[in-house]
N, C-alpha and C. Protein backbone atom coordinates (compact mmCIF):
# COMPACT_ATOMS: atom_id res chain seq x y z
N MET A 1 31.19 -68.96 -79.53
CA MET A 1 31.59 -67.76 -79.06
C MET A 1 31.09 -67.82 -77.68
N ALA A 2 31.97 -67.47 -77.03
CA ALA A 2 31.88 -67.57 -75.22
C ALA A 2 31.32 -66.20 -74.84
N PRO A 3 30.54 -66.22 -73.94
CA PRO A 3 29.44 -65.34 -73.74
C PRO A 3 30.63 -64.13 -73.12
N GLU A 4 30.38 -62.84 -72.71
CA GLU A 4 31.10 -62.26 -72.38
C GLU A 4 30.94 -61.99 -70.65
N PRO A 5 31.71 -62.18 -69.78
CA PRO A 5 31.96 -62.11 -68.35
C PRO A 5 31.20 -60.98 -68.27
N GLU A 6 30.04 -60.98 -66.93
CA GLU A 6 29.32 -59.95 -66.31
C GLU A 6 30.50 -59.07 -65.92
N GLU A 7 30.18 -57.69 -65.71
CA GLU A 7 30.85 -56.64 -64.99
C GLU A 7 30.61 -56.89 -63.41
N PRO A 8 31.29 -57.08 -62.30
CA PRO A 8 31.57 -57.29 -61.06
C PRO A 8 30.53 -55.82 -60.32
N SER A 9 29.66 -56.14 -59.50
CA SER A 9 29.21 -55.19 -59.04
C SER A 9 29.82 -54.64 -58.18
N PRO A 10 29.85 -52.98 -57.49
CA PRO A 10 31.12 -52.35 -56.64
C PRO A 10 30.54 -52.99 -55.30
N ALA A 11 31.62 -53.02 -54.54
CA ALA A 11 31.40 -53.93 -53.44
C ALA A 11 30.98 -52.78 -52.56
N ALA A 12 30.79 -53.18 -51.16
CA ALA A 12 29.82 -52.79 -50.20
C ALA A 12 30.57 -51.13 -50.01
N GLY A 13 29.86 -50.10 -50.03
CA GLY A 13 30.50 -48.91 -50.11
C GLY A 13 31.58 -48.54 -50.80
N ALA A 14 31.80 -49.07 -51.79
CA ALA A 14 32.50 -48.29 -53.04
C ALA A 14 31.71 -47.87 -54.17
N THR A 15 32.50 -47.38 -54.83
CA THR A 15 31.72 -46.54 -55.91
C THR A 15 32.06 -47.06 -57.15
N VAL A 16 31.82 -46.70 -58.20
CA VAL A 16 32.24 -47.20 -59.48
C VAL A 16 33.38 -46.17 -60.06
N ASP A 17 33.69 -45.16 -59.47
CA ASP A 17 34.36 -44.19 -59.64
C ASP A 17 35.69 -44.40 -58.99
N ALA A 18 35.49 -44.69 -57.96
CA ALA A 18 36.74 -45.45 -56.95
C ALA A 18 36.59 -46.38 -56.27
N PRO A 19 36.72 -47.71 -56.82
CA PRO A 19 36.39 -49.12 -56.64
C PRO A 19 37.34 -49.53 -55.39
N ASP A 20 38.48 -48.73 -55.20
CA ASP A 20 38.88 -49.00 -53.81
C ASP A 20 38.50 -48.64 -52.16
N ARG A 21 37.61 -47.48 -52.41
CA ARG A 21 37.01 -46.58 -51.47
C ARG A 21 35.93 -47.40 -50.52
N ASN A 22 35.89 -47.44 -49.43
CA ASN A 22 35.10 -48.08 -48.40
C ASN A 22 34.27 -47.02 -47.28
N LEU A 23 33.22 -46.69 -48.26
CA LEU A 23 32.44 -45.61 -46.97
C LEU A 23 32.37 -46.02 -45.75
N ALA A 24 31.92 -47.26 -45.47
CA ALA A 24 32.24 -47.75 -43.84
C ALA A 24 33.48 -47.49 -43.02
N LEU A 25 34.63 -47.70 -43.81
CA LEU A 25 36.12 -47.29 -43.25
C LEU A 25 35.78 -45.68 -42.75
N GLU A 26 35.86 -45.27 -44.03
CA GLU A 26 35.76 -43.68 -43.88
C GLU A 26 35.07 -43.30 -42.69
N LEU A 27 33.95 -43.50 -42.46
CA LEU A 27 33.11 -43.24 -41.31
C LEU A 27 33.53 -43.77 -39.81
N VAL A 28 34.38 -44.97 -40.01
CA VAL A 28 34.93 -45.35 -38.80
C VAL A 28 35.98 -44.60 -38.47
N ARG A 29 36.61 -43.98 -39.50
CA ARG A 29 37.87 -43.04 -38.93
C ARG A 29 37.35 -41.57 -38.57
N VAL A 30 36.49 -41.30 -39.18
CA VAL A 30 35.57 -40.13 -38.55
C VAL A 30 34.91 -40.02 -37.04
N THR A 31 34.84 -41.77 -36.66
CA THR A 31 34.31 -41.74 -35.15
C THR A 31 35.54 -41.74 -34.37
N GLU A 32 36.51 -42.31 -34.73
CA GLU A 32 37.74 -42.55 -34.11
C GLU A 32 38.72 -40.85 -34.06
N VAL A 33 38.56 -40.16 -35.02
CA VAL A 33 39.02 -39.12 -35.02
C VAL A 33 38.28 -38.08 -33.49
N ALA A 34 36.74 -38.79 -33.63
CA ALA A 34 36.06 -37.73 -32.48
C ALA A 34 36.59 -37.96 -31.39
N ALA A 35 36.81 -39.30 -31.37
CA ALA A 35 36.91 -40.25 -29.62
C ALA A 35 38.26 -39.73 -29.38
N LEU A 36 39.27 -39.55 -30.27
CA LEU A 36 40.66 -39.05 -29.98
C LEU A 36 40.60 -37.73 -29.45
N ALA A 37 39.73 -36.76 -30.31
CA ALA A 37 39.75 -35.17 -29.84
C ALA A 37 39.21 -35.33 -28.51
N SER A 38 38.22 -35.88 -28.18
CA SER A 38 37.39 -35.51 -26.87
C SER A 38 38.25 -36.29 -25.80
N ALA A 39 39.38 -37.12 -26.36
CA ALA A 39 39.60 -37.54 -24.99
C ALA A 39 40.71 -37.10 -24.64
N ARG A 40 40.88 -36.03 -25.16
CA ARG A 40 42.17 -35.28 -24.53
C ARG A 40 41.63 -34.18 -23.04
N TRP A 41 40.15 -34.30 -23.10
CA TRP A 41 39.41 -33.53 -22.34
C TRP A 41 38.93 -34.55 -21.08
N VAL A 42 39.27 -35.61 -21.06
CA VAL A 42 38.86 -36.46 -19.75
C VAL A 42 39.68 -36.06 -19.06
N GLY A 43 38.62 -36.08 -17.51
CA GLY A 43 39.30 -35.84 -16.66
C GLY A 43 39.44 -33.97 -16.09
N HIS A 44 39.19 -33.58 -16.90
CA HIS A 44 39.32 -31.94 -16.98
C HIS A 44 37.57 -31.34 -16.35
N GLY A 45 36.77 -32.40 -16.68
CA GLY A 45 35.48 -31.70 -15.85
C GLY A 45 34.72 -30.90 -16.77
N ASP A 46 34.98 -30.81 -18.28
CA ASP A 46 34.54 -29.50 -19.03
C ASP A 46 33.80 -30.82 -20.23
N LYS A 47 32.40 -30.85 -20.02
CA LYS A 47 32.10 -31.48 -20.78
C LYS A 47 31.40 -31.25 -22.08
N GLU A 48 31.34 -29.62 -22.05
CA GLU A 48 31.03 -28.99 -22.99
C GLU A 48 32.36 -28.95 -24.27
N SER A 49 33.45 -28.64 -23.75
CA SER A 49 34.62 -28.66 -24.36
C SER A 49 35.02 -29.79 -24.99
N ALA A 50 34.72 -31.30 -24.53
CA ALA A 50 34.92 -32.62 -25.07
C ALA A 50 34.19 -32.94 -26.05
N ASP A 51 32.78 -32.13 -25.80
CA ASP A 51 31.79 -32.62 -26.83
C ASP A 51 32.13 -31.57 -28.57
N GLN A 52 32.25 -30.18 -28.05
CA GLN A 52 33.03 -29.34 -29.08
C GLN A 52 34.26 -29.94 -30.16
N ALA A 53 35.02 -30.88 -28.76
CA ALA A 53 36.29 -30.99 -29.72
C ALA A 53 36.01 -32.03 -30.85
N ALA A 54 34.94 -32.90 -30.13
CA ALA A 54 34.40 -34.32 -31.18
C ALA A 54 33.99 -33.92 -32.46
N VAL A 55 33.11 -32.78 -32.01
CA VAL A 55 32.22 -32.30 -33.07
C VAL A 55 33.24 -31.63 -34.16
N ASP A 56 34.05 -30.55 -33.92
CA ASP A 56 34.91 -29.96 -34.65
C ASP A 56 35.74 -31.11 -35.43
N ALA A 57 36.08 -32.57 -34.76
CA ALA A 57 37.29 -33.28 -35.47
C ALA A 57 36.23 -34.06 -36.44
N MET A 58 35.04 -34.08 -36.06
CA MET A 58 34.22 -34.85 -36.98
C MET A 58 34.01 -33.97 -38.12
N ARG A 59 33.73 -33.03 -37.85
CA ARG A 59 33.29 -32.14 -39.40
C ARG A 59 35.02 -31.68 -40.38
N LEU A 60 36.00 -31.70 -39.67
CA LEU A 60 37.19 -31.66 -40.38
C LEU A 60 36.96 -33.02 -41.21
N LEU A 61 36.96 -34.02 -40.60
CA LEU A 61 37.00 -35.61 -41.09
C LEU A 61 35.68 -35.67 -42.32
N LEU A 62 34.49 -35.11 -41.68
CA LEU A 62 33.67 -35.39 -42.91
C LEU A 62 34.15 -34.66 -44.01
N ASP A 63 34.24 -33.54 -43.84
CA ASP A 63 34.64 -32.44 -45.37
C ASP A 63 35.48 -33.51 -46.33
N THR A 64 36.26 -34.43 -46.07
CA THR A 64 37.06 -34.62 -46.90
C THR A 64 36.53 -36.44 -47.40
N VAL A 65 35.03 -36.68 -46.82
CA VAL A 65 34.87 -38.04 -47.21
C VAL A 65 33.93 -37.81 -48.30
N SER A 66 34.17 -38.09 -49.50
CA SER A 66 33.37 -37.93 -50.68
C SER A 66 31.98 -38.46 -50.71
N MET A 67 30.79 -37.84 -50.55
CA MET A 67 29.50 -38.42 -50.40
C MET A 67 28.54 -37.43 -50.49
N ASP A 68 27.32 -37.99 -50.82
CA ASP A 68 26.24 -36.74 -51.12
C ASP A 68 25.03 -37.52 -50.37
N GLY A 69 25.12 -36.88 -48.95
CA GLY A 69 23.95 -37.11 -47.90
C GLY A 69 23.97 -36.19 -46.90
N ILE A 70 22.93 -36.56 -45.58
CA ILE A 70 23.03 -35.50 -44.66
C ILE A 70 23.42 -36.08 -43.63
N VAL A 71 24.40 -35.30 -42.72
CA VAL A 71 25.14 -36.03 -41.53
C VAL A 71 24.41 -34.99 -40.59
N VAL A 72 23.91 -35.56 -39.15
CA VAL A 72 23.29 -35.38 -37.93
C VAL A 72 24.29 -35.59 -37.07
N ILE A 73 24.68 -34.31 -36.29
CA ILE A 73 25.85 -34.72 -35.37
C ILE A 73 24.81 -33.92 -33.95
N GLY A 74 24.81 -34.59 -33.04
CA GLY A 74 24.37 -33.90 -31.57
C GLY A 74 23.50 -35.24 -31.12
N GLU A 75 22.86 -35.02 -29.88
CA GLU A 75 22.35 -35.72 -28.81
C GLU A 75 21.23 -35.55 -28.75
N GLY A 76 20.61 -34.74 -29.40
CA GLY A 76 19.05 -34.09 -29.53
C GLY A 76 19.14 -33.72 -28.32
N GLU A 77 17.77 -33.62 -27.78
CA GLU A 77 17.20 -33.07 -26.37
C GLU A 77 17.64 -33.48 -25.14
N LYS A 78 19.03 -34.61 -25.25
CA LYS A 78 19.41 -34.98 -24.08
C LYS A 78 20.28 -33.89 -23.22
N ASP A 79 21.26 -33.07 -23.95
CA ASP A 79 21.71 -31.72 -23.72
C ASP A 79 21.90 -30.66 -24.89
N GLU A 80 20.56 -30.50 -25.34
CA GLU A 80 20.72 -29.51 -26.50
C GLU A 80 21.97 -29.84 -27.24
N ALA A 81 22.54 -30.49 -27.95
CA ALA A 81 23.53 -30.51 -28.25
C ALA A 81 23.24 -30.08 -29.84
C-alpha cells in the first residue's frame, strides 16, 4: 500500500479557507489606491487634503480585506497624522 500524499501547506499569504487569496497583493492594492487618491491633490498646495484622501481610500479598501489584525495609519510625530 502506497503512503498517502501529504497535504500541501498554504502558500504565503493564503488561508486554508481561501487558497487563491494573497494577503500581500491585497495590501499592495491598498497602497495603490492610497497613492492614486492622494495624487489628485498634487500641485494644489494642500498636504492635509492629500493625506486625508489617502487615509480615506486606505480605510475603504482595508475594510474589504479579510484579516484579523491591527492596522496603524499615520506618520506619527512628524506631522501628528
